[in-house]
Amino acid sequence: MRVQISSRHTDVPDAVMDRTQDQLRKLTRYDPDLRAAEVIFDSNKRKKLVEAVLHIDGREPKIARGEGDTFQGALNQLVDRLGRMLRRGRDQRRDHQAPKLSETVSGIEE
């Protein structure tokens, strides 16, 4: 998976950038079709913001934001949100199956 990191109005420590890449690469366990991630770090007066766009083959991109007092806290919030989105999507795809033909036929005969 390709991870592109950029920053606005701030400098991001190398440790945070490395942790970002590691955390986002771990998200491929929820969706193997995950191909690229764009991460933007931004800083206001007191808040640190992290926004990510995940590009998934054949589906709409997933977008999430994290906000905190530090980049680490904002990154943790972002990764939690993205993980929930990907797990929910995986569960919906897995559970969305038509009933078995034997179940529908037996329901009609009764």
N, C-alpha and C. Protein backbone atom coordinates (compact mmCIF):
# COMPACT_ATOMS: atom_id res chain seq x y z
N MET A 1 0.85 -1.18 0.00
CA MET A 1 0.00 0.00 0.00
C MET A 1 0.89 1.23 0.00
N ARG A 2 0.52 2.20 -0.80
CA ARG A 2 1.25 3.45 -0.91
C ARG A 2 0.66 4.45 0.08
N VAL A 3 1.52 5.06 0.90
CA VAL A 3 1.09 6.06 1.87
C VAL A 3 1.76 7.38 1.53
N GLN A 4 0.95 8.40 1.28
CA GLN A 4 1.47 9.74 0.97
C GLN A 4 1.15 10.65 2.14
N ILE A 5 2.17 11.27 2.71
CA ILE A 5 1.99 12.12 3.88
C ILE A 5 2.39 13.55 3.52
N SER A 6 1.52 14.49 3.87
CA SER A 6 1.83 15.90 3.67
C SER A 6 1.41 16.68 4.91
N SER A 7 1.91 17.90 5.02
CA SER A 7 1.57 18.71 6.19
C SER A 7 1.28 20.14 5.75
N ARG A 8 0.39 20.77 6.51
CA ARG A 8 0.03 22.17 6.28
C ARG A 8 0.32 22.96 7.54
N HIS A 9 1.03 24.05 7.41
CA HIS A 9 1.26 24.99 8.51
C HIS A 9 1.98 24.37 9.69
N THR A 10 2.70 23.28 9.50
CA THR A 10 3.36 22.64 10.64
C THR A 10 4.48 21.72 10.15
N ASP A 11 5.33 21.36 11.08
CA ASP A 11 6.35 20.34 10.82
C ASP A 11 5.98 19.10 11.62
N VAL A 12 6.02 17.96 10.98
CA VAL A 12 5.64 16.71 11.62
C VAL A 12 6.93 15.95 11.96
N PRO A 13 7.08 15.51 13.20
CA PRO A 13 8.27 14.74 13.56
C PRO A 13 8.36 13.42 12.78
N ASP A 14 9.59 12.99 12.54
CA ASP A 14 9.80 11.75 11.79
C ASP A 14 9.18 10.53 12.49
N ALA A 15 9.21 10.52 13.81
CA ALA A 15 8.64 9.40 14.55
C ALA A 15 7.14 9.29 14.28
N VAL A 16 6.46 10.42 14.20
CA VAL A 16 5.01 10.41 13.93
C VAL A 16 4.76 9.94 12.49
N MET A 17 5.60 10.36 11.57
CA MET A 17 5.42 9.93 10.17
C MET A 17 5.64 8.43 10.04
N ASP A 18 6.64 7.89 10.71
CA ASP A 18 6.88 6.45 10.66
C ASP A 18 5.72 5.68 11.29
N ARG A 19 5.23 6.17 12.41
CA ARG A 19 4.10 5.52 13.08
C ARG A 19 2.84 5.57 12.21
N THR A 20 2.67 6.68 11.50
CA THR A 20 1.53 6.82 10.59
C THR A 20 1.57 5.74 9.51
N GLN A 21 2.72 5.56 8.90
CA GLN A 21 2.84 4.55 7.86
C GLN A 21 2.59 3.15 8.42
N ASP A 22 3.14 2.86 9.58
CA ASP A 22 2.92 1.54 10.18
C ASP A 22 1.45 1.29 10.49
N GLN A 23 0.79 2.26 11.10
CA GLN A 23 -0.61 2.10 11.49
C GLN A 23 -1.51 1.93 10.27
N LEU A 24 -1.27 2.72 9.23
CA LEU A 24 -2.13 2.64 8.04
C LEU A 24 -1.90 1.35 7.27
N ARG A 25 -0.68 0.87 7.25
CA ARG A 25 -0.42 -0.40 6.57
C ARG A 25 -1.11 -1.57 7.28
N LYS A 26 -1.30 -1.47 8.57
CA LYS A 26 -1.98 -2.52 9.31
C LYS A 26 -3.46 -2.61 8.94
N LEU A 27 -4.02 -1.54 8.38
CA LEU A 27 -5.44 -1.54 8.01
C LEU A 27 -5.74 -2.47 6.84
N THR A 28 -4.72 -2.93 6.14
CA THR A 28 -4.97 -3.84 5.02
C THR A 28 -5.51 -5.18 5.48
N ARG A 29 -5.41 -5.50 6.77
CA ARG A 29 -5.99 -6.76 7.26
C ARG A 29 -7.51 -6.71 7.21
N TYR A 30 -8.10 -5.52 7.25
CA TYR A 30 -9.56 -5.39 7.17
C TYR A 30 -10.05 -5.38 5.73
N ASP A 31 -9.20 -4.87 4.82
CA ASP A 31 -9.60 -4.81 3.42
C ASP A 31 -8.36 -4.98 2.54
N PRO A 32 -8.18 -6.14 1.94
CA PRO A 32 -6.99 -6.36 1.12
C PRO A 32 -6.97 -5.53 -0.17
N ASP A 33 -8.11 -4.94 -0.55
CA ASP A 33 -8.17 -4.11 -1.75
C ASP A 33 -7.70 -2.68 -1.50
N LEU A 34 -7.25 -2.39 -0.31
CA LEU A 34 -6.78 -1.07 0.05
C LEU A 34 -5.46 -0.80 -0.69
N ARG A 35 -5.43 0.22 -1.54
CA ARG A 35 -4.26 0.46 -2.39
C ARG A 35 -3.44 1.67 -2.00
N ALA A 36 -4.06 2.75 -1.54
CA ALA A 36 -3.30 3.97 -1.25
C ALA A 36 -3.97 4.76 -0.14
N ALA A 37 -3.16 5.54 0.53
CA ALA A 37 -3.68 6.42 1.59
C ALA A 37 -3.00 7.77 1.46
N GLU A 38 -3.79 8.82 1.59
CA GLU A 38 -3.27 10.18 1.61
C GLU A 38 -3.56 10.75 3.00
N VAL A 39 -2.52 11.19 3.68
CA VAL A 39 -2.65 11.70 5.04
C VAL A 39 -2.18 13.14 5.05
N ILE A 40 -2.98 14.01 5.69
CA ILE A 40 -2.63 15.43 5.80
C ILE A 40 -2.61 15.81 7.27
N PHE A 41 -1.48 16.33 7.71
CA PHE A 41 -1.34 16.83 9.07
C PHE A 41 -1.51 18.34 9.01
N ASP A 42 -2.29 18.88 9.95
CA ASP A 42 -2.54 20.32 10.01
C ASP A 42 -2.52 20.75 11.46
N SER A 43 -2.19 22.00 11.68
CA SER A 43 -2.10 22.50 13.05
C SER A 43 -2.79 23.86 13.13
N ASN A 44 -3.71 23.97 14.08
CA ASN A 44 -4.31 25.26 14.41
C ASN A 44 -3.61 25.80 15.64
N LYS A 45 -4.19 26.77 16.29
CA LYS A 45 -3.55 27.35 17.47
C LYS A 45 -3.31 26.30 18.55
N ARG A 46 -4.34 25.56 18.90
CA ARG A 46 -4.22 24.59 19.99
C ARG A 46 -4.47 23.17 19.56
N LYS A 47 -5.08 22.96 18.42
CA LYS A 47 -5.48 21.62 18.00
C LYS A 47 -4.58 21.12 16.88
N LYS A 48 -4.35 19.83 16.92
CA LYS A 48 -3.64 19.14 15.86
C LYS A 48 -4.67 18.31 15.10
N LEU A 49 -4.68 18.43 13.80
CA LEU A 49 -5.65 17.73 12.96
C LEU A 49 -4.93 16.78 12.03
N VAL A 50 -5.52 15.60 11.85
CA VAL A 50 -5.01 14.62 10.90
C VAL A 50 -6.19 14.14 10.07
N GLU A 51 -6.06 14.19 8.76
CA GLU A 51 -7.12 13.75 7.86
C GLU A 51 -6.54 12.72 6.91
N ALA A 52 -7.31 11.69 6.60
CA ALA A 52 -6.84 10.63 5.70
C ALA A 52 -7.92 10.26 4.70
N VAL A 53 -7.48 9.93 3.51
CA VAL A 53 -8.34 9.42 2.46
C VAL A 53 -7.77 8.08 2.04
N LEU A 54 -8.57 7.02 2.18
CA LEU A 54 -8.15 5.68 1.79
C LEU A 54 -8.77 5.35 0.44
N HIS A 55 -7.93 4.93 -0.49
CA HIS A 55 -8.40 4.56 -1.82
C HIS A 55 -8.48 3.04 -1.89
N ILE A 56 -9.68 2.55 -2.20
CA ILE A 56 -9.95 1.12 -2.24
C ILE A 56 -10.39 0.76 -3.65
N ASP A 57 -9.81 -0.30 -4.20
CA ASP A 57 -10.16 -0.73 -5.56
C ASP A 57 -11.63 -1.05 -5.68
N GLY A 58 -12.30 -0.43 -6.65
CA GLY A 58 -13.68 -0.76 -6.96
C GLY A 58 -14.72 -0.14 -6.05
N ARG A 59 -14.31 0.68 -5.10
CA ARG A 59 -15.26 1.28 -4.17
C ARG A 59 -14.94 2.74 -3.93
N GLU A 60 -15.88 3.40 -3.28
CA GLU A 60 -15.69 4.81 -2.94
C GLU A 60 -14.57 4.95 -1.90
N PRO A 61 -13.82 6.04 -1.94
CA PRO A 61 -12.78 6.25 -0.93
C PRO A 61 -13.38 6.50 0.45
N LYS A 62 -12.65 6.11 1.47
CA LYS A 62 -13.05 6.34 2.85
C LYS A 62 -12.28 7.55 3.37
N ILE A 63 -12.99 8.48 4.00
CA ILE A 63 -12.39 9.71 4.51
C ILE A 63 -12.67 9.81 6.00
N ALA A 64 -11.63 10.14 6.77
CA ALA A 64 -11.80 10.29 8.22
C ALA A 64 -10.87 11.38 8.71
N ARG A 65 -11.24 11.94 9.88
CA ARG A 65 -10.44 12.99 10.52
C ARG A 65 -10.22 12.64 11.98
N GLY A 66 -9.08 13.06 12.47
CA GLY A 66 -8.77 12.92 13.88
C GLY A 66 -8.31 14.25 14.42
N GLU A 67 -8.64 14.53 15.66
CA GLU A 67 -8.31 15.82 16.26
C GLU A 67 -7.84 15.58 17.69
N GLY A 68 -6.81 16.29 18.09
CA GLY A 68 -6.31 16.12 19.45
C GLY A 68 -5.32 17.21 19.82
N ASP A 69 -4.80 17.10 21.03
CA ASP A 69 -3.82 18.08 21.49
C ASP A 69 -2.44 17.80 20.91
N THR A 70 -2.18 16.55 20.55
CA THR A 70 -0.92 16.17 19.92
C THR A 70 -1.21 15.40 18.64
N PHE A 71 -0.19 15.29 17.80
CA PHE A 71 -0.38 14.52 16.58
C PHE A 71 -0.59 13.04 16.88
N GLN A 72 0.04 12.54 17.94
CA GLN A 72 -0.15 11.14 18.33
C GLN A 72 -1.61 10.86 18.68
N GLY A 73 -2.21 11.73 19.48
CA GLY A 73 -3.61 11.56 19.86
C GLY A 73 -4.54 11.66 18.67
N ALA A 74 -4.27 12.62 17.79
CA ALA A 74 -5.10 12.78 16.60
C ALA A 74 -4.95 11.58 15.67
N LEU A 75 -3.73 11.06 15.57
CA LEU A 75 -3.49 9.88 14.73
C LEU A 75 -4.20 8.66 15.28
N ASN A 76 -4.16 8.47 16.60
CA ASN A 76 -4.87 7.35 17.22
C ASN A 76 -6.36 7.41 16.94
N GLN A 77 -6.94 8.59 17.07
CA GLN A 77 -8.37 8.76 16.80
C GLN A 77 -8.67 8.46 15.34
N LEU A 78 -7.83 8.92 14.44
CA LEU A 78 -8.02 8.69 13.01
C LEU A 78 -7.96 7.21 12.68
N VAL A 79 -6.97 6.51 13.18
CA VAL A 79 -6.81 5.08 12.88
C VAL A 79 -7.98 4.29 13.46
N ASP A 80 -8.47 4.66 14.64
CA ASP A 80 -9.64 3.98 15.22
C ASP A 80 -10.86 4.16 14.32
N ARG A 81 -11.07 5.37 13.85
CA ARG A 81 -12.22 5.63 12.99
C ARG A 81 -12.12 4.87 11.67
N LEU A 82 -10.94 4.88 11.06
CA LEU A 82 -10.77 4.16 9.80
C LEU A 82 -10.95 2.66 10.00
N GLY A 83 -10.45 2.14 11.10
CA GLY A 83 -10.62 0.71 11.39
C GLY A 83 -12.08 0.34 11.53
N ARG A 84 -12.84 1.19 12.23
CA ARG A 84 -14.28 0.93 12.37
C ARG A 84 -14.97 0.96 11.02
N MET A 85 -14.62 1.94 10.18
CA MET A 85 -15.25 2.03 8.85
C MET A 85 -14.96 0.78 8.02
N LEU A 86 -13.71 0.37 8.02
CA LEU A 86 -13.33 -0.79 7.21
C LEU A 86 -13.94 -2.07 7.75
N ARG A 87 -13.98 -2.24 9.07
CA ARG A 87 -14.61 -3.43 9.66
C ARG A 87 -16.09 -3.47 9.34
N ARG A 88 -16.77 -2.33 9.46
CA ARG A 88 -18.20 -2.27 9.18
C ARG A 88 -18.46 -2.63 7.72
N GLY A 89 -17.66 -2.09 6.81
CA GLY A 89 -17.82 -2.41 5.39
C GLY A 89 -17.57 -3.87 5.10
N ARG A 90 -16.55 -4.45 5.74
CA ARG A 90 -16.25 -5.87 5.55
C ARG A 90 -17.40 -6.73 6.05
N ASP A 91 -17.93 -6.38 7.23
CA ASP A 91 -19.04 -7.16 7.79
C ASP A 91 -20.28 -7.05 6.92
N GLN A 92 -20.55 -5.88 6.36
CA GLN A 92 -21.72 -5.71 5.50
C GLN A 92 -21.58 -6.52 4.22
N ARG A 93 -20.37 -6.54 3.65
CA ARG A 93 -20.17 -7.33 2.44
C ARG A 93 -20.27 -8.82 2.74
N ARG A 94 -19.76 -9.24 3.87
CA ARG A 94 -19.76 -10.65 4.22
C ARG A 94 -21.17 -11.13 4.58
N ASP A 95 -21.95 -10.32 5.29
CA ASP A 95 -23.28 -10.74 5.73
C ASP A 95 -24.35 -10.53 4.66
N HIS A 96 -24.04 -9.80 3.63
CA HIS A 96 -25.03 -9.49 2.61
C HIS A 96 -25.04 -10.60 1.56
N GLN A 97 -25.72 -11.68 1.90
CA GLN A 97 -25.84 -12.80 0.98
C GLN A 97 -27.31 -13.18 0.87
N ALA A 98 -27.64 -13.64 -0.28
CA ALA A 98 -29.01 -14.09 -0.50
C ALA A 98 -29.25 -15.36 0.30
N PRO A 99 -30.50 -15.62 0.69
CA PRO A 99 -30.79 -16.87 1.40
C PRO A 99 -30.54 -18.06 0.47
N LYS A 100 -30.23 -19.19 1.06
CA LYS A 100 -29.98 -20.38 0.27
C LYS A 100 -31.25 -20.81 -0.45
N LEU A 101 -31.08 -21.40 -1.60
CA LEU A 101 -32.23 -21.83 -2.40
C LEU A 101 -33.07 -22.84 -1.65
N SER A 102 -32.44 -23.71 -0.87
CA SER A 102 -33.20 -24.71 -0.12
C SER A 102 -34.09 -24.04 0.94
N GLU A 103 -33.65 -22.92 1.49
CA GLU A 103 -34.46 -22.21 2.48
C GLU A 103 -35.66 -21.54 1.82
N THR A 104 -35.49 -20.99 0.63
CA THR A 104 -36.60 -20.31 -0.03
C THR A 104 -37.61 -21.31 -0.57
N VAL A 105 -37.16 -22.43 -1.06
CA VAL A 105 -38.07 -23.46 -1.60
C VAL A 105 -38.89 -24.07 -0.48
N SER A 106 -38.27 -24.36 0.65
CA SER A 106 -39.01 -24.97 1.75
C SER A 106 -40.01 -23.97 2.33
N GLY A 107 -39.72 -22.69 2.26
CA GLY A 107 -40.64 -21.68 2.77
C GLY A 107 -41.86 -21.54 1.91
N ILE A 108 -41.74 -21.79 0.62
CA ILE A 108 -42.87 -21.68 -0.32
C ILE A 108 -43.81 -22.85 -0.16
N GLU A 109 -43.28 -24.05 0.03
CA GLU A 109 -44.11 -25.27 0.09
C GLU A 109 -44.98 -25.31 1.32
N GLU A 110 -44.59 -24.67 2.39
CA GLU A 110 -45.34 -24.76 3.64
C GLU A 110 -46.62 -24.01 3.61
